Amino acid sequence: MASHKILVIDDSKVIRMRVRDMLPKGNFEVLEAKDGVEGLNLIRQEHPNLIMLDFLLPKMSGWEVFQHIQSDATLQSIPLVLMSGRKEEVTEKLQEPFEFFEFIEKPFENKELIDAIKSAMAKARLPRTGKIAAPAAAATAPAAAAAAGGGADAAEVKALKEQVARMQAEINALKKQTAQILAFIKQKLK
């Protein structure tokens, strides 16, 4: 019996099969959805342990599915890996760094997939201070908080310090990954 349900929402059967093949055998039940509507229905019915979501989908886009997930407190805690062949499609709507989900660019290799899943699981455990806002709303939020004044300042400073600490941890992890990649390339060039 599989201990974890992974939902792969992608209109490409090749990507869905590739993810299924890359996962360690016996540990996962892989559920598949070919469009956003089917994916959202499966999320609500099956309560998966992980969601892998393509950003461009028929019927309901990955962006719309993402917004549904973020607006439901019971779904926010599910680790999420967004997938796209073009990262700029995602960063157009969601600003980096991606705080509560992971992003993987297609096509990807086995190690990249496993690393993205591990990172998504770690990010899903982070405490949330609010909903993920769209870029336009995110830009106006600091001004609104400043206008509210007083007691919000200390909480805002604390939240910013926590965010800086998380970002520093991500930077350190990226530096480590870069060093590993360079070591791998040097090894292959010998």
Protein backbone atom coordinates (compact mmCIF):
# COMPACT_ATOMS: atom_id res chain seq x y z
CA MET A 1 0.00 0.00 0.00
CA ALA A 2 1.38 3.39 -0.99
CA SER A 3 2.03 5.71 1.93
CA HIS A 4 1.77 8.97 -0.03
CA LYS A 5 -0.53 10.26 -2.75
CA ILE A 6 1.05 12.50 -5.34
CA LEU A 7 -1.23 14.32 -7.74
CA VAL A 8 0.34 15.27 -11.07
CA ILE A 9 -1.73 17.83 -12.95
CA ASP A 10 -0.34 18.21 -16.46
CA ASP A 11 -1.94 18.10 -19.90
CA SER A 12 1.09 16.15 -21.18
CA LYS A 13 0.79 12.41 -20.68
CA VAL A 14 4.57 12.21 -21.21
CA ILE A 15 5.24 14.48 -18.20
CA ARG A 16 2.75 12.57 -16.04
CA MET A 17 4.40 9.26 -16.96
CA ARG A 18 7.88 10.71 -16.50
CA VAL A 19 7.06 11.87 -12.96
CA ARG A 20 5.54 8.46 -12.17
CA ASP A 21 8.68 6.71 -13.45
CA MET A 22 11.06 8.99 -11.55
CA LEU A 23 9.49 8.46 -8.12
CA PRO A 24 10.85 5.69 -5.88
CA LYS A 25 8.84 2.53 -6.41
CA GLY A 26 6.33 1.40 -3.79
CA ASN A 27 6.22 4.58 -1.73
CA PHE A 28 3.78 6.64 -3.80
CA GLU A 29 0.37 6.37 -5.34
CA VAL A 30 0.47 8.69 -8.34
CA LEU A 31 -2.84 10.27 -9.30
CA GLU A 32 -3.09 12.03 -12.65
CA ALA A 33 -5.20 14.88 -14.00
CA LYS A 34 -5.03 16.20 -17.56
CA ASP A 35 -6.55 19.63 -16.93
CA GLY A 36 -7.12 22.16 -14.16
CA VAL A 37 -10.76 21.28 -13.48
CA GLU A 38 -10.01 17.56 -13.12
CA GLY A 39 -6.98 18.43 -10.97
CA LEU A 40 -8.92 20.66 -8.59
CA ASN A 41 -11.63 18.00 -8.22
CA LEU A 42 -8.99 15.36 -7.39
CA ILE A 43 -7.34 17.69 -4.86
CA ARG A 44 -10.65 18.03 -3.02
CA GLN A 45 -11.58 14.32 -3.28
CA GLU A 46 -8.23 12.66 -2.61
CA HIS A 47 -6.41 15.14 -0.32
CA PRO A 48 -2.98 14.32 -1.81
CA ASN A 49 0.28 14.58 0.15
CA LEU A 50 1.90 16.49 -2.73
CA ILE A 51 0.64 18.38 -5.79
CA MET A 52 2.70 18.79 -8.96
CA LEU A 53 0.96 21.47 -11.01
CA ASP A 54 1.66 22.55 -14.58
CA PHE A 55 1.14 26.28 -14.99
CA LEU A 56 -0.45 26.12 -18.45
CA LEU A 57 -3.47 23.83 -18.51
CA PRO A 58 -6.70 23.51 -20.51
CA LYS A 59 -10.16 24.23 -19.02
CA MET A 60 -8.70 25.90 -15.91
CA SER A 61 -5.13 27.23 -15.89
CA GLY A 62 -2.51 26.20 -13.36
CA TRP A 63 -2.60 29.82 -12.12
CA GLU A 64 -6.33 29.49 -11.36
CA VAL A 65 -5.81 26.13 -9.62
CA PHE A 66 -2.98 27.73 -7.62
CA GLN A 67 -5.30 30.57 -6.54
CA HIS A 68 -7.95 28.06 -5.40
CA ILE A 69 -5.33 26.20 -3.37
CA GLN A 70 -4.05 29.40 -1.75
CA SER A 71 -7.55 30.63 -0.88
CA ASP A 72 -8.40 27.43 1.03
CA ALA A 73 -6.61 27.09 4.38
CA THR A 74 -7.02 23.30 4.32
CA LEU A 75 -5.24 23.07 0.95
CA GLN A 76 -2.44 25.58 1.66
CA SER A 77 -0.54 23.05 3.76
CA ILE A 78 -0.23 20.55 0.89
CA PRO A 79 3.31 20.70 -0.56
CA LEU A 80 3.17 22.16 -4.06
CA VAL A 81 5.58 21.97 -6.99
CA LEU A 82 4.73 24.29 -9.89
CA MET A 83 6.02 23.15 -13.28
CA SER A 84 6.49 25.06 -16.50
CA GLY A 85 8.65 24.97 -19.58
CA ARG A 86 9.16 28.72 -19.17
CA LYS A 87 9.86 30.15 -15.74
CA GLU A 88 8.86 33.65 -16.85
CA GLU A 89 5.25 32.43 -17.21
CA VAL A 90 5.25 31.79 -13.47
CA THR A 91 7.25 34.84 -12.38
CA GLU A 92 4.89 37.05 -14.39
CA LYS A 93 2.17 36.25 -11.82
CA LEU A 94 4.17 35.21 -8.75
CA GLN A 95 7.24 37.04 -7.55
CA GLU A 96 10.36 35.22 -6.42
CA PRO A 97 11.53 33.97 -4.04
CA PHE A 98 8.81 31.35 -3.96
CA GLU A 99 8.14 31.17 -0.24
CA PHE A 100 5.51 28.43 0.18
CA PHE A 101 5.95 26.26 -2.92
CA GLU A 102 8.71 25.02 -5.21
CA PHE A 103 9.19 25.59 -8.93
CA ILE A 104 10.75 23.17 -11.41
CA GLU A 105 11.43 23.96 -15.05
CA LYS A 106 10.53 21.34 -17.64
CA PRO A 107 12.17 19.18 -18.80
CA PHE A 108 13.73 18.00 -15.54
CA GLU A 109 15.90 15.15 -14.38
CA ASN A 110 15.27 12.70 -11.54
CA LYS A 111 17.48 14.51 -8.99
CA GLU A 112 15.87 17.87 -9.80
CA LEU A 113 12.43 16.35 -9.24
CA ILE A 114 13.38 14.76 -5.92
CA ASP A 115 15.06 18.00 -4.73
CA ALA A 116 11.97 20.03 -5.74
CA ILE A 117 9.69 17.65 -3.83
CA LYS A 118 11.88 17.82 -0.71
CA SER A 119 11.99 21.61 -0.90
CA ALA A 120 8.20 21.86 -1.41
CA MET A 121 7.65 19.67 1.65
CA ALA A 122 9.92 21.87 3.76
CA LYS A 123 8.27 25.07 2.49
CA ALA A 124 4.77 23.70 3.18
CA ARG A 125 5.69 23.42 6.87
CA LEU A 126 6.58 27.13 7.13
CA PRO A 127 4.14 29.21 9.18
CA ARG A 128 1.95 31.46 7.08
CA THR A 129 1.31 35.01 8.13
CA GLY A 130 -1.23 35.62 5.36
CA LYS A 131 -2.30 34.59 1.91
CA ILE A 132 0.01 34.74 -1.06
CA ALA A 133 -0.97 37.89 -2.87
CA ALA A 134 -0.91 38.63 -6.55
CA PRO A 135 1.93 41.00 -7.53
CA ALA A 136 -0.31 44.09 -7.69
CA ALA A 137 -1.78 43.42 -4.25
CA ALA A 138 1.65 42.64 -2.84
CA ALA A 139 2.94 46.02 -3.96
CA THR A 140 0.17 47.90 -2.14
CA ALA A 141 0.25 45.83 1.08
CA PRO A 142 3.29 47.59 2.65
CA ALA A 143 1.72 51.01 2.03
CA ALA A 144 -1.55 49.89 3.65
CA ALA A 145 0.34 48.46 6.64
CA ALA A 146 2.30 51.71 7.01
CA ALA A 147 -0.93 53.71 6.87
CA ALA A 148 -2.38 51.55 9.67
CA GLY A 149 0.69 52.58 11.69
CA GLY A 150 1.65 51.87 15.30
CA GLY A 151 1.38 48.26 16.48
CA ALA A 152 1.61 46.82 13.00
CA ASP A 153 5.20 48.10 12.64
CA ALA A 154 6.74 45.71 15.19
CA ALA A 155 4.91 42.73 13.71
CA GLU A 156 5.89 43.80 10.21
CA VAL A 157 9.56 44.15 11.20
CA LYS A 158 9.47 40.71 12.83
CA ALA A 159 7.86 39.18 9.72
CA LEU A 160 10.45 40.86 7.49
CA LYS A 161 13.31 39.57 9.65
CA GLU A 162 11.89 36.05 9.44
CA GLN A 163 11.57 36.39 5.69
CA VAL A 164 15.19 37.61 5.43
CA ALA A 165 16.32 34.61 7.50
CA ARG A 166 14.43 32.21 5.21
CA MET A 167 15.84 33.93 2.14
CA GLN A 168 19.36 33.68 3.55
CA ALA A 169 18.84 29.97 4.14
CA GLU A 170 17.68 29.61 0.51
CA ILE A 171 20.71 31.59 -0.70
CA ASN A 172 23.01 29.32 1.30
CA ALA A 173 21.31 26.25 -0.18
CA LEU A 174 21.67 27.69 -3.70
CA LYS A 175 25.37 28.40 -3.09
CA LYS A 176 25.82 24.79 -1.97
CA GLN A 177 23.96 23.50 -5.04
CA THR A 178 26.05 25.71 -7.31
CA ALA A 179 29.26 24.38 -5.74
CA GLN A 180 28.01 20.82 -6.25
CA ILE A 181 27.17 21.53 -9.89
CA LEU A 182 30.59 23.09 -10.49
CA ALA A 183 32.29 20.11 -8.86
CA PHE A 184 30.24 17.77 -11.05
CA ILE A 185 31.12 19.72 -14.22
CA LYS A 186 34.81 19.79 -13.30
CA GLN A 187 34.71 16.06 -12.68
CA LYS A 188 33.10 15.42 -16.08
CA LEU A 189 35.65 17.65 -17.83
CA LYS A 190 38.62 15.65 -16.51
